[in-house]
PDB file of N, CA and C in Angstrom:
ATOM      1  N   UNK A   1     -82.311 181.111  23.853  1.00  0.00           N
ATOM      2  CA  UNK A   1     -83.140 181.137  23.036  1.00  0.00           C
ATOM      3  C   UNK A   1     -83.026 179.728  22.005  1.00  0.00           C
ATOM      4  N   UNK A   2     -84.908 179.391  21.878  1.00  0.00           N
ATOM      5  CA  UNK A   2     -84.816 178.295  21.118  1.00  0.00           C
ATOM      6  C   UNK A   2     -84.560 178.866  19.451  1.00  0.00           C
ATOM      7  N   UNK A   3     -83.166 178.200  18.595  1.00  0.00           N
ATOM      8  CA  UNK A   3     -83.775 178.631  16.693  1.00  0.00           C
ATOM      9  C   UNK A   3     -83.551 177.197  16.587  1.00  0.00           C
ATOM     10  N   UNK A   4     -84.414 177.471  15.270  1.00  0.00           N
ATOM     11  CA  UNK A   4     -84.677 176.367  14.067  1.00  0.00           C
ATOM     12  C   UNK A   4     -84.743 176.561  12.713  1.00  0.00           C
ATOM     13  N   UNK A   5     -84.361 175.182  12.578  1.00  0.00           N
ATOM     14  CA  UNK A   5     -83.782 175.580  11.773  1.00  0.00           C
ATOM     15  C   UNK A   5     -83.934 173.796  10.760  1.00  0.00           C
ATOM     16  N   UNK A   6     -84.851 174.667   9.480  1.00  0.00           N
ATOM     17  CA  UNK A   6     -85.007 174.031   8.715  1.00  0.00           C
ATOM     18  C   UNK A   6     -84.329 173.537   7.810  1.00  0.00           C
ATOM     19  N   UNK A   7     -84.595 172.097   6.339  1.00  0.00           N
ATOM     20  CA  UNK A   7     -83.647 171.778   5.914  1.00  0.00           C
ATOM     21  C   UNK A   7     -84.589 170.853   5.117  1.00  0.00           C
ATOM     22  N   UNK A   8     -84.306 170.249   4.369  1.00  0.00           N
ATOM     23  CA  UNK A   8     -84.577 169.211   3.505  1.00  0.00           C
ATOM     24  C   UNK A   8     -85.221 169.356   2.016  1.00  0.00           C
ATOM     25  N   UNK A   9     -85.058 171.096   2.106  1.00  0.00           N
ATOM     26  CA  UNK A   9     -86.212 170.990   0.696  1.00  0.00           C
ATOM     27  C   UNK A   9     -85.597 171.133  -1.024  1.00  0.00           C
ATOM     28  N   UNK A  10     -86.539 171.471  -2.265  1.00  0.00           N
ATOM     29  CA  UNK A  10     -85.461 171.252  -3.223  1.00  0.00           C
ATOM     30  C   UNK A  10     -86.190 171.619  -4.340  1.00  0.00           C
ATOM     31  N   UNK A  11     -85.862 171.284  -5.264  1.00  0.00           N
ATOM     32  CA  UNK A  11     -86.667 170.771  -6.607  1.00  0.00           C
ATOM     33  C   UNK A  11     -86.580 170.010  -7.002  1.00  0.00           C
ATOM     34  N   UNK A  12     -88.521 169.271  -6.971  1.00  0.00           N
ATOM     35  CA  UNK A  12     -88.932 167.847  -7.708  1.00  0.00           C
ATOM     36  C   UNK A  12     -89.992 168.388  -8.434  1.00  0.00           C
ATOM     37  N   UNK A  13     -90.269 166.749  -9.034  1.00  0.00           N
ATOM     38  CA  UNK A  13     -91.468 166.585 -10.143  1.00  0.00           C
ATOM     39  C   UNK A  13     -92.764 166.289  -9.526  1.00  0.00           C
ATOM     40  N   UNK A  14     -93.467 167.060 -10.426  1.00  0.00           N
ATOM     41  CA  UNK A  14     -94.517 166.704  -9.782  1.00  0.00           C
ATOM     42  C   UNK A  14     -94.713 164.829  -9.262  1.00  0.00           C
ATOM     43  N   UNK A  15     -95.173 164.243  -8.192  1.00  0.00           N
ATOM     44  CA  UNK A  15     -95.318 163.289  -8.147  1.00  0.00           C
ATOM     45  C   UNK A  15     -94.149 162.427  -7.295  1.00  0.00           C
ATOM     46  N   UNK A  16     -93.467 163.408  -6.728  1.00  0.00           N
ATOM     47  CA  UNK A  16     -92.088 163.033  -5.905  1.00  0.00           C
ATOM     48  C   UNK A  16     -92.577 162.827  -5.371  1.00  0.00           C
ATOM     49  N   UNK A  17     -91.020 162.542  -3.993  1.00  0.00           N
ATOM     50  CA  UNK A  17     -91.065 163.100  -3.139  1.00  0.00           C
ATOM     51  C   UNK A  17     -89.694 163.846  -1.903  1.00  0.00           C
ATOM     52  N   UNK A  18     -90.053 164.241  -0.801  1.00  0.00           N
ATOM     53  CA  UNK A  18     -88.611 165.184  -0.125  1.00  0.00           C
ATOM     54  C   UNK A  18     -88.893 165.164   1.679  1.00  0.00           C
ATOM     55  N   UNK A  19     -88.057 164.967   1.536  1.00  0.00           N
ATOM     56  CA  UNK A  19     -88.718 165.016   3.645  1.00  0.00           C
ATOM     57  C   UNK A  19     -88.135 166.150   4.091  1.00  0.00           C
ATOM     58  N   UNK A  20     -87.816 166.844   4.736  1.00  0.00           N
ATOM     59  CA  UNK A  20     -87.839 167.618   5.100  1.00  0.00           C
ATOM     60  C   UNK A  20     -87.699 168.263   6.830  1.00  0.00           C
ATOM     61  N   UNK A  21     -86.231 168.334   7.805  1.00  0.00           N
ATOM     62  CA  UNK A  21     -86.222 168.159   8.753  1.00  0.00           C
ATOM     63  C   UNK A  21     -85.987 169.690   9.639  1.00  0.00           C
ATOM     64  N   UNK A  22     -86.377 169.737  10.821  1.00  0.00           N
ATOM     65  CA  UNK A  22     -85.863 170.820  11.479  1.00  0.00           C
ATOM     66  C   UNK A  22     -85.264 170.310  13.007  1.00  0.00           C
ATOM     67  N   UNK A  23     -84.749 171.442  12.729  1.00  0.00           N
ATOM     68  CA  UNK A  23     -83.758 171.224  14.215  1.00  0.00           C
ATOM     69  C   UNK A  23     -84.321 171.827  14.768  1.00  0.00           C
ATOM     70  N   UNK A  24     -83.989 171.694  16.356  1.00  0.00           N
ATOM     71  CA  UNK A  24     -84.085 173.003  17.358  1.00  0.00           C
ATOM     72  C   UNK A  24     -83.496 172.767  18.530  1.00  0.00           C
ATOM     73  N   UNK A  25     -82.421 173.575  18.601  1.00  0.00           N
ATOM     74  CA  UNK A  25     -81.271 174.527  19.405  1.00  0.00           C
ATOM     75  C   UNK A  25     -81.743 175.046  20.652  1.00  0.00           C
ATOM     76  N   UNK A  26     -81.039 175.003  21.641  1.00  0.00           N
ATOM     77  CA  UNK A  26     -81.539 176.459  23.073  1.00  0.00           C
ATOM     78  C   UNK A  26     -82.403 174.928  23.395  1.00  0.00           C
ATOM     79  N   UNK A  27     -83.238 176.109  24.836  1.00  0.00           N
ATOM     80  CA  UNK A  27     -83.866 175.008  24.700  1.00  0.00           C
ATOM     81  C   UNK A  27     -85.473 175.047  25.195  1.00  0.00           C
ATOM     82  N   UNK A  28     -85.247 174.102  23.848  1.00  0.00           N
ATOM     83  CA  UNK A  28     -86.962 173.834  23.673  1.00  0.00           C
ATOM     84  C   UNK A  28     -86.912 172.262  24.532  1.00  0.00           C
ATOM     85  N   UNK A  29     -88.273 172.512  24.488  1.00  0.00           N
ATOM     86  CA  UNK A  29     -88.947 171.801  25.366  1.00  0.00           C
ATOM     87  C   UNK A  29     -89.914 170.911  24.400  1.00  0.00           C
ATOM     88  N   UNK A  30     -89.221 169.026  24.837  1.00  0.00           N
ATOM     89  CA  UNK A  30     -90.237 167.841  24.269  1.00  0.00           C
ATOM     90  C   UNK A  30     -91.295 167.776  24.496  1.00  0.00           C
ATOM     91  N   UNK A  31     -92.050 168.743  25.308  1.00  0.00           N
ATOM     92  CA  UNK A  31     -93.640 168.876  25.446  1.00  0.00           C
ATOM     93  C   UNK A  31     -94.295 169.745  24.628  1.00  0.00           C
ATOM     94  N   UNK A  32     -93.380 170.229  23.618  1.00  0.00           N
ATOM     95  CA  UNK A  32     -94.601 170.811  22.707  1.00  0.00           C
ATOM     96  C   UNK A  32     -95.174 170.800  21.489  1.00  0.00           C
ATOM     97  N   UNK A  33     -95.946 170.997  21.105  1.00  0.00           N
ATOM     98  CA  UNK A  33     -96.938 170.725  20.169  1.00  0.00           C
ATOM     99  C   UNK A  33     -96.371 171.537  19.133  1.00  0.00           C
ATOM    100  N   UNK A  34     -95.715 170.484  18.044  1.00  0.00           N
ATOM    101  CA  UNK A  34     -94.470 170.964  17.056  1.00  0.00           C
ATOM    102  C   UNK A  34     -95.808 171.075  15.321  1.00  0.00           C
ATOM    103  N   UNK A  35     -95.000 172.202  15.160  1.00  0.00           N
ATOM    104  CA  UNK A  35     -96.187 172.013  13.549  1.00  0.00           C
ATOM    105  C   UNK A  35     -95.083 172.623  12.269  1.00  0.00           C
ATOM    106  N   UNK A  36     -95.557 172.075  11.353  1.00  0.00           N
ATOM    107  CA  UNK A  36     -95.389 172.600  10.127  1.00  0.00           C
ATOM    108  C   UNK A  36     -95.896 172.987   9.466  1.00  0.00           C
ATOM    109  N   UNK A  37     -95.462 174.369   8.667  1.00  0.00           N
ATOM    110  CA  UNK A  37     -96.735 175.594   8.256  1.00  0.00           C
ATOM    111  C   UNK A  37     -95.803 175.295   6.501  1.00  0.00           C
ATOM    112  N   UNK A  38     -96.318 176.161   5.387  1.00  0.00           N
ATOM    113  CA  UNK A  38     -95.963 176.714   4.766  1.00  0.00           C
ATOM    114  C   UNK A  38     -96.086 178.437   4.137  1.00  0.00           C
ATOM    115  N   UNK A  39     -96.225 179.178   3.082  1.00  0.00           N
ATOM    116  CA  UNK A  39     -95.765 180.257   2.928  1.00  0.00           C
ATOM    117  C   UNK A  39     -95.761 180.500   1.338  1.00  0.00           C
ATOM    118  N   UNK A  40     -96.203 180.408   0.511  1.00  0.00           N
ATOM    119  CA  UNK A  40     -96.399 181.297  -0.909  1.00  0.00           C
ATOM    120  C   UNK A  40     -95.946 182.730  -0.789  1.00  0.00           C
ATOM    121  N   UNK A  41     -94.843 183.250  -1.001  1.00  0.00           N
ATOM    122  CA  UNK A  41     -94.873 185.104  -1.311  1.00  0.00           C
ATOM    123  C   UNK A  41     -96.657 185.496  -1.925  1.00  0.00           C
ATOM    124  N   UNK A  42     -96.620 186.529  -1.203  1.00  0.00           N
ATOM    125  CA  UNK A  42     -98.256 187.218  -0.544  1.00  0.00           C
ATOM    126  C   UNK A  42     -98.965 187.129  -0.332  1.00  0.00           C
ATOM    127  N   UNK A  43     -99.005 185.543   0.512  1.00  0.00           N
ATOM    128  CA  UNK A  43    -100.203 184.975   0.906  1.00  0.00           C
ATOM    129  C   UNK A  43     -99.694 184.311   2.554  1.00  0.00           C
ATOM    130  N   UNK A  44    -100.639 184.443   3.033  1.00  0.00           N
ATOM    131  CA  UNK A  44     -99.791 183.920   4.267  1.00  0.00           C
ATOM    132  C   UNK A  44     -99.771 182.650   5.002  1.00  0.00           C
ATOM    133  N   UNK A  45     -99.011 182.670   6.391  1.00  0.00           N
ATOM    134  CA  UNK A  45     -98.236 181.175   5.746  1.00  0.00           C
ATOM    135  C   UNK A  45     -99.551 180.260   6.406  1.00  0.00           C
ATOM    136  N   UNK A  46     -99.756 179.445   6.066  1.00  0.00           N
ATOM    137  CA  UNK A  46    -100.954 178.212   6.366  1.00  0.00           C
ATOM    138  C   UNK A  46    -100.220 176.646   7.296  1.00  0.00           C
ATOM    139  N   UNK A  47    -101.327 176.460   7.879  1.00  0.00           N
ATOM    140  CA  UNK A  47    -100.821 175.735   8.520  1.00  0.00           C
ATOM    141  C   UNK A  47    -100.793 173.799   7.340  1.00  0.00           C
ATOM    142  N   UNK A  48     -99.791 173.369   8.543  1.00  0.00           N
ATOM    143  CA  UNK A  48     -99.461 171.780   7.713  1.00  0.00           C
ATOM    144  C   UNK A  48    -100.032 170.411   7.882  1.00  0.00           C
ATOM    145  N   UNK A  49     -99.061 170.301   9.464  1.00  0.00           N
ATOM    146  CA  UNK A  49     -99.478 169.475   9.981  1.00  0.00           C
ATOM    147  C   UNK A  49     -98.870 169.561  10.825  1.00  0.00           C
ATOM    148  N   UNK A  50     -99.637 169.124  12.513  1.00  0.00           N
ATOM    149  CA  UNK A  50     -98.919 168.592  13.566  1.00  0.00           C
ATOM    150  C   UNK A  50     -98.973 167.652  14.169  1.00  0.00           C
ATOM    151  N   UNK A  51     -98.006 167.820  15.099  1.00  0.00           N
ATOM    152  CA  UNK A  51     -97.404 166.421  16.160  1.00  0.00           C
ATOM    153  C   UNK A  51     -97.276 166.906  17.742  1.00  0.00           C
ATOM    154  N   UNK A  52     -97.926 166.388  18.799  1.00  0.00           N
ATOM    155  CA  UNK A  52     -97.938 166.288  19.976  1.00  0.00           C
ATOM    156  C   UNK A  52     -96.492 165.634  20.535  1.00  0.00           C
ATOM    157  N   UNK A  53     -96.637 165.807  21.338  1.00  0.00           N
ATOM    158  CA  UNK A  53     -95.643 164.687  21.913  1.00  0.00           C
ATOM    159  C   UNK A  53     -95.094 163.319  22.173  1.00  0.00           C
ATOM    160  N   UNK A  54     -96.881 162.974  22.229  1.00  0.00           N
ATOM    161  CA  UNK A  54     -96.169 161.620  22.175  1.00  0.00           C
ATOM    162  C   UNK A  54     -97.059 161.145  20.771  1.00  0.00           C
ATOM    163  N   UNK A  55     -96.220 161.963  19.438  1.00  0.00           N
ATOM    164  CA  UNK A  55     -96.123 160.929  18.419  1.00  0.00           C
ATOM    165  C   UNK A  55     -97.455 161.456  17.501  1.00  0.00           C
ATOM    166  N   UNK A  56     -98.543 161.893  18.409  1.00  0.00           N
ATOM    167  CA  UNK A  56    -100.090 161.962  17.452  1.00  0.00           C
ATOM    168  C   UNK A  56     -99.792 163.183  16.402  1.00  0.00           C
ATOM    169  N   UNK A  57     -99.728 162.585  15.247  1.00  0.00           N
ATOM    170  CA  UNK A  57     -99.805 163.803  14.128  1.00  0.00           C
ATOM    171  C   UNK A  57    -101.527 163.986  13.540  1.00  0.00           C
ATOM    172  N   UNK A  58    -101.699 164.980  13.374  1.00  0.00           N
ATOM    173  CA  UNK A  58    -102.342 166.068  13.083  1.00  0.00           C
ATOM    174  C   UNK A  58    -102.498 166.478  11.234  1.00  0.00           C
ATOM    175  N   UNK A  59    -103.550 166.377   9.802  1.00  0.00           N
ATOM    176  CA  UNK A  59    -102.737 167.035   9.267  1.00  0.00           C
ATOM    177  C   UNK A  59    -104.110 168.256   8.913  1.00  0.00           C
ATOM    178  N   UNK A  60    -103.260 168.983   8.158  1.00  0.00           N
ATOM    179  CA  UNK A  60    -104.364 169.838   7.234  1.00  0.00           C
ATOM    180  C   UNK A  60    -104.757 169.228   6.138  1.00  0.00           C
ATOM    181  N   UNK A  61    -106.257 169.077   5.973  1.00  0.00           N
ATOM    182  CA  UNK A  61    -106.865 168.896   4.482  1.00  0.00           C
ATOM    183  C   UNK A  61    -106.297 168.574   3.071  1.00  0.00           C
ATOM    184  N   UNK A  62    -105.101 169.664   2.342  1.00  0.00           N
ATOM    185  CA  UNK A  62    -104.787 169.292   1.165  1.00  0.00           C
ATOM    186  C   UNK A  62    -103.573 168.687   1.804  1.00  0.00           C
ATOM    187  N   UNK A  63    -103.173 168.294   2.386  1.00  0.00           N
ATOM    188  CA  UNK A  63    -101.608 166.999   2.121  1.00  0.00           C
ATOM    189  C   UNK A  63    -102.184 165.963   3.277  1.00  0.00           C
ATOM    190  N   UNK A  64    -102.837 165.636   3.497  1.00  0.00           N
ATOM    191  CA  UNK A  64    -103.490 164.376   4.360  1.00  0.00           C
ATOM    192  C   UNK A  64    -103.555 162.568   3.940  1.00  0.00           C
ATOM    193  N   UNK A  65    -102.610 161.918   4.238  1.00  0.00           N
ATOM    194  CA  UNK A  65    -102.572 160.868   2.696  1.00  0.00           C
ATOM    195  C   UNK A  65    -101.562 160.641   1.725  1.00  0.00           C
ATOM    196  N   UNK A  66    -100.893 162.019   2.420  1.00  0.00           N
ATOM    197  CA  UNK A  66     -99.783 162.580   1.439  1.00  0.00           C
ATOM    198  C   UNK A  66     -98.396 162.808   2.192  1.00  0.00           C
ATOM    199  N   UNK A  67     -98.342 163.965   3.288  1.00  0.00           N
ATOM    200  CA  UNK A  67     -97.640 163.532   3.622  1.00  0.00           C
ATOM    201  C   UNK A  67     -97.949 162.906   5.685  1.00  0.00           C
ATOM    202  N   UNK A  68     -96.305 163.235   6.430  1.00  0.00           N
ATOM    203  CA  UNK A  68     -96.159 162.321   7.041  1.00  0.00           C
ATOM    204  C   UNK A  68     -95.455 163.547   8.389  1.00  0.00           C
ATOM    205  N   UNK A  69     -95.702 163.705   9.101  1.00  0.00           N
ATOM    206  CA  UNK A  69     -94.881 164.044  10.418  1.00  0.00           C
ATOM    207  C   UNK A  69     -94.124 163.406  11.221  1.00  0.00           C
ATOM    208  N   UNK A  70     -93.162 163.529  11.925  1.00  0.00           N
ATOM    209  CA  UNK A  70     -93.050 162.328  12.715  1.00  0.00           C
ATOM    210  C   UNK A  70     -92.087 163.316  13.289  1.00  0.00           C
ATOM    211  N   UNK A  71     -92.068 162.591  14.432  1.00  0.00           N
ATOM    212  CA  UNK A  71     -90.577 163.391  15.941  1.00  0.00           C
ATOM    213  C   UNK A  71     -89.618 162.644  16.450  1.00  0.00           C
ATOM    214  N   UNK A  72     -87.895 163.220  16.456  1.00  0.00           N
ATOM    215  CA  UNK A  72     -87.268 162.712  17.639  1.00  0.00           C
ATOM    216  C   UNK A  72     -87.225 163.625  18.438  1.00  0.00           C
ATOM    217  N   UNK A  73     -88.033 163.158  20.013  1.00  0.00           N
ATOM    218  CA  UNK A  73     -87.626 164.582  21.246  1.00  0.00           C
ATOM    219  C   UNK A  73     -86.070 164.242  21.289  1.00  0.00           C
ATOM    220  N   UNK A  74     -85.768 163.439  21.125  1.00  0.00           N
ATOM    221  CA  UNK A  74     -84.409 163.261  21.861  1.00  0.00           C
ATOM    222  C   UNK A  74     -83.334 163.681  21.269  1.00  0.00           C
ATOM    223  N   UNK A  75     -83.377 164.404  19.670  1.00  0.00           N
ATOM    224  CA  UNK A  75     -82.502 165.151  18.840  1.00  0.00           C
ATOM    225  C   UNK A  75     -83.292 166.101  19.169  1.00  0.00           C
ATOM    226  N   UNK A  76     -84.604 166.461  19.436  1.00  0.00           N
ATOM    227  CA  UNK A  76     -85.325 167.941  19.112  1.00  0.00           C
ATOM    228  C   UNK A  76     -85.450 168.046  17.806  1.00  0.00           C
ATOM    229  N   UNK A  77     -85.667 167.142  17.111  1.00  0.00           N
ATOM    230  CA  UNK A  77     -86.030 167.202  15.713  1.00  0.00           C
ATOM    231  C   UNK A  77     -87.945 166.743  15.293  1.00  0.00           C
ATOM    232  N   UNK A  78     -88.024 167.763  14.386  1.00  0.00           N
ATOM    233  CA  UNK A  78     -89.464 167.277  13.462  1.00  0.00           C
ATOM    234  C   UNK A  78     -88.676 167.205  11.977  1.00  0.00           C
ATOM    235  N   UNK A  79     -89.366 166.132  11.565  1.00  0.00           N
ATOM    236  CA  UNK A  79     -89.068 165.473  10.283  1.00  0.00           C
ATOM    237  C   UNK A  79     -90.890 165.973   9.685  1.00  0.00           C
ATOM    238  N   UNK A  80     -90.630 166.274   8.359  1.00  0.00           N
ATOM    239  CA  UNK A  80     -91.814 165.547   7.616  1.00  0.00           C
ATOM    240  C   UNK A  80     -91.606 165.479   5.836  1.00  0.00           C
ATOM    241  N   UNK A  81     -92.325 164.097   6.146  1.00  0.00           N
ATOM    242  CA  UNK A  81     -91.995 163.407   5.010  1.00  0.00           C
ATOM    243  C   UNK A  81     -93.010 163.187   3.918  1.00  0.00           C
ATOM    244  N   UNK A  82     -92.525 164.423   2.452  1.00  0.00           N
ATOM    245  CA  UNK A  82     -93.757 164.105   1.613  1.00  0.00           C
ATOM    246  C   UNK A  82     -93.799 163.977  -0.085  1.00  0.00           C
ATOM    247  N   UNK A  83     -95.106 162.863  -0.264  1.00  0.00           N
ATOM    248  CA  UNK A  83     -94.609 162.276  -1.129  1.00  0.00           C
ATOM    249  C   UNK A  83     -95.922 162.320  -2.342  1.00  0.00           C
ATOM    250  N   UNK A  84     -95.968 162.054  -3.223  1.00  0.00           N
ATOM    251  CA  UNK A  84     -96.971 162.242  -4.430  1.00  0.00           C
ATOM    252  C   UNK A  84     -97.065 163.812  -4.377  1.00  0.00           C
ATOM    253  N   UNK A  85     -95.915 164.816  -4.202  1.00  0.00           N
ATOM    254  CA  UNK A  85     -95.566 166.069  -4.619  1.00  0.00           C
ATOM    255  C   UNK A  85     -97.000 166.997  -5.390  1.00  0.00           C
ATOM    256  N   UNK A  86     -97.089 167.687  -5.411  1.00  0.00           N
ATOM    257  CA  UNK A  86     -98.192 168.494  -6.083  1.00  0.00           C
ATOM    258  C   UNK A  86     -97.746 170.297  -6.638  1.00  0.00           C
ATOM    259  N   UNK A  87     -98.096 170.772  -7.781  1.00  0.00           N
ATOM    260  CA  UNK A  87     -97.971 171.472  -8.134  1.00  0.00           C
ATOM    261  C   UNK A  87     -97.951 172.650  -6.974  1.00  0.00           C
ATOM    262  N   UNK A  88     -98.783 172.469  -6.748  1.00  0.00           N
ATOM    263  CA  UNK A  88     -99.712 173.323  -5.437  1.00  0.00           C
ATOM    264  C   UNK A  88     -99.189 172.962  -3.852  1.00  0.00           C
ATOM    265  N   UNK A  89     -97.810 172.250  -3.914  1.00  0.00           N
ATOM    266  CA  UNK A  89     -97.717 172.074  -2.306  1.00  0.00           C
ATOM    267  C   UNK A  89     -96.073 173.558  -2.971  1.00  0.00           C
ATOM    268  N   UNK A  90     -95.519 174.247  -3.430  1.00  0.00           N
ATOM    269  CA  UNK A  90     -94.574 174.410  -3.799  1.00  0.00           C
ATOM    270  C   UNK A  90     -94.691 175.522  -3.286  1.00  0.00           C
ATOM    271  N   UNK A  91     -93.720 176.385  -1.305  1.00  0.00           N
ATOM    272  CA  UNK A  91     -93.494 176.657  -1.082  1.00  0.00           C
ATOM    273  C   UNK A  91     -92.578 176.540  -0.203  1.00  0.00           C
ATOM    274  N   UNK A  92     -92.400 177.569   1.256  1.00  0.00           N
ATOM    275  CA  UNK A  92     -91.648 177.800   2.340  1.00  0.00           C
ATOM    276  C   UNK A  92     -91.640 177.044   3.012  1.00  0.00           C
ATOM    277  N   UNK A  93     -91.475 175.953   3.199  1.00  0.00           N
ATOM    278  CA  UNK A  93     -92.159 175.480   4.659  1.00  0.00           C
ATOM    279  C   UNK A  93     -91.031 175.429   6.395  1.00  0.00           C
ATOM    280  N   UNK A  94     -91.910 175.763   6.647  1.00  0.00           N
ATOM    281  CA  UNK A  94     -91.399 176.150   8.409  1.00  0.00           C
ATOM    282  C   UNK A  94     -91.667 175.177   9.282  1.00  0.00           C
ATOM    283  N   UNK A  95     -91.446 175.666  10.473  1.00  0.00           N
ATOM    284  CA  UNK A  95     -91.493 174.481  11.160  1.00  0.00           C
ATOM    285  C   UNK A  95     -91.384 175.243  12.785  1.00  0.00           C
ATOM    286  N   UNK A  96     -92.555 175.284  13.772  1.00  0.00           N
ATOM    287  CA  UNK A  96     -92.007 175.865  14.665  1.00  0.00           C
ATOM    288  C   UNK A  96     -93.146 174.837  15.730  1.00  0.00           C
ATOM    289  N   UNK A  97     -92.952 175.456  17.010  1.00  0.00           N
ATOM    290  CA  UNK A  97     -94.507 175.208  18.296  1.00  0.00           C
ATOM    291  C   UNK A  97     -95.338 175.847  17.491  1.00  0.00           C
ATOM    292  N   UNK A  98     -96.296 174.958  18.276  1.00  0.00           N
ATOM    293  CA  UNK A  98     -97.737 175.524  18.015  1.00  0.00           C
ATOM    294  C   UNK A  98     -98.588 176.145  19.553  1.00  0.00           C
ATOM    295  N   UNK A  99     -99.121 177.476  18.980  1.00  0.00           N
ATOM    296  CA  UNK A  99    -100.225 178.341  20.142  1.00  0.00           C
ATOM    297  C   UNK A  99     -98.957 179.036  20.894  1.00  0.00           C
ATOM    298  N   UNK A 100     -99.141 179.492  22.198  1.00  0.00           N
ATOM    299  CA  UNK A 100     -98.453 180.598  22.983  1.00  0.00           C
ATOM    300  C   UNK A 100     -96.922 179.902  23.032  1.00  0.00           C
ATOM    301  N   UNK A 101     -96.580 178.627  22.673  1.00  0.00           N
ATOM    302  CA  UNK A 101     -95.015 178.624  22.226  1.00  0.00           C
ATOM    303  C   UNK A 101     -94.204 178.359  21.441  1.00  0.00           C
ATOM    304  N   UNK A 102     -94.776 179.495  20.276  1.00  0.00           N
ATOM    305  CA  UNK A 102     -93.955 179.561  19.658  1.00  0.00           C
ATOM    306  C   UNK A 102     -93.000 180.758  19.674  1.00  0.00           C
ATOM    307  N   UNK A 103     -91.550 180.394  19.099  1.00  0.00           N
ATOM    308  CA  UNK A 103     -90.678 181.213  19.169  1.00  0.00           C
ATOM    309  C   UNK A 103     -90.332 182.406  17.724  1.00  0.00           C
ATOM    310  N   UNK A 104     -88.996 182.644  17.315  1.00  0.00           N
ATOM    311  CA  UNK A 104     -88.773 183.361  16.311  1.00  0.00           C
ATOM    312  C   UNK A 104     -88.738 182.174  14.783  1.00  0.00           C
ATOM    313  N   UNK A 105     -89.707 182.717  13.673  1.00  0.00           N
ATOM    314  CA  UNK A 105     -89.610 181.873  12.855  1.00  0.00           C
ATOM    315  C   UNK A 105     -88.146 181.809  12.782  1.00  0.00           C
ATOM    316  N   UNK A 106     -87.589 180.099  12.042  1.00  0.00           N
ATOM    317  CA  UNK A 106     -86.691 180.312  11.013  1.00  0.00           C
ATOM    318  C   UNK A 106     -86.409 181.323   9.702  1.00  0.00           C
ATOM    319  N   UNK A 107     -85.436 180.469   8.825  1.00  0.00           N
ATOM    320  CA  UNK A 107     -85.172 180.772   7.632  1.00  0.00           C
ATOM    321  C   UNK A 107     -86.963 179.945   6.408  1.00  0.00           C
ATOM    322  N   UNK A 108     -86.475 178.819   7.351  1.00  0.00           N
ATOM    323  CA  UNK A 108     -87.376 178.053   6.324  1.00  0.00           C
ATOM    324  C   UNK A 108     -87.178 177.011   5.085  1.00  0.00           C
ATOM    325  N   UNK A 109     -87.508 176.543   4.547  1.00  0.00           N
ATOM    326  CA  UNK A 109     -86.727 175.975   3.874  1.00  0.00           C
ATOM    327  C   UNK A 109     -88.057 175.486   2.411  1.00  0.00           C
ATOM    328  N   UNK A 110     -86.753 175.798   1.115  1.00  0.00           N
ATOM    329  CA  UNK A 110     -87.615 175.768  -0.006  1.00  0.00           C
ATOM    330  C   UNK A 110     -88.680 174.662  -0.895  1.00  0.00           C
ATOM    331  N   UNK A 111     -89.341 173.986  -0.871  1.00  0.00           N
ATOM    332  CA  UNK A 111     -89.730 173.619  -1.808  1.00  0.00           C
ATOM    333  C   UNK A 111     -90.486 173.787  -2.899  1.00  0.00           C
ATOM    334  N   UNK A 112     -89.622 173.521  -4.021  1.00  0.00           N
ATOM    335  CA  UNK A 112     -90.599 173.672  -5.390  1.00  0.00           C
ATOM    336  C   UNK A 112     -90.815 172.366  -6.644  1.00  0.00           C
ATOM    337  N   UNK A 113     -92.116 171.967  -6.293  1.00  0.00           N
ATOM    338  CA  UNK A 113     -92.511 170.739  -7.440  1.00  0.00           C
ATOM    339  C   UNK A 113     -93.055 171.775  -9.259  1.00  0.00           C
ATOM    340  N   UNK A 114     -91.811 171.352 -10.059  1.00  0.00           N
ATOM    341  CA  UNK A 114     -92.399 171.777 -11.052  1.00  0.00           C
ATOM    342  C   UNK A 114     -91.551 170.420 -12.310  1.00  0.00           C
ATOM    343  N   UNK A 115     -92.930 170.432 -13.152  1.00  0.00           N
ATOM    344  CA  UNK A 115     -91.662 169.352 -14.645  1.00  0.00           C
ATOM    345  C   UNK A 115     -91.030 170.272 -15.667  1.00  0.00           C
TER     346      UNK A 115
END
């Protein structure tokens, strides 16, 4: 079974940067479209970014121009480079495949943007 482990979160000031990493173990397929999502307690999980196996990325309007998603298929790893972080980016960040290929969610990684 595929397991997802996110890391790289932390506390950062507004305008700062962080790079998140998500590693998939088990029988994760390289062909899956992968996504980053985030959730604030009490709110629904929301889409942040996605990337195809060929490296084409898409972003939510709220992060476009500030976040960059990438992947290393050989390492079964996806990344989310976050720059110019804003207070409203504070959330737990998760990765997962998109659509019917989704697997059980990992623990996520907390990103806190605060001055």
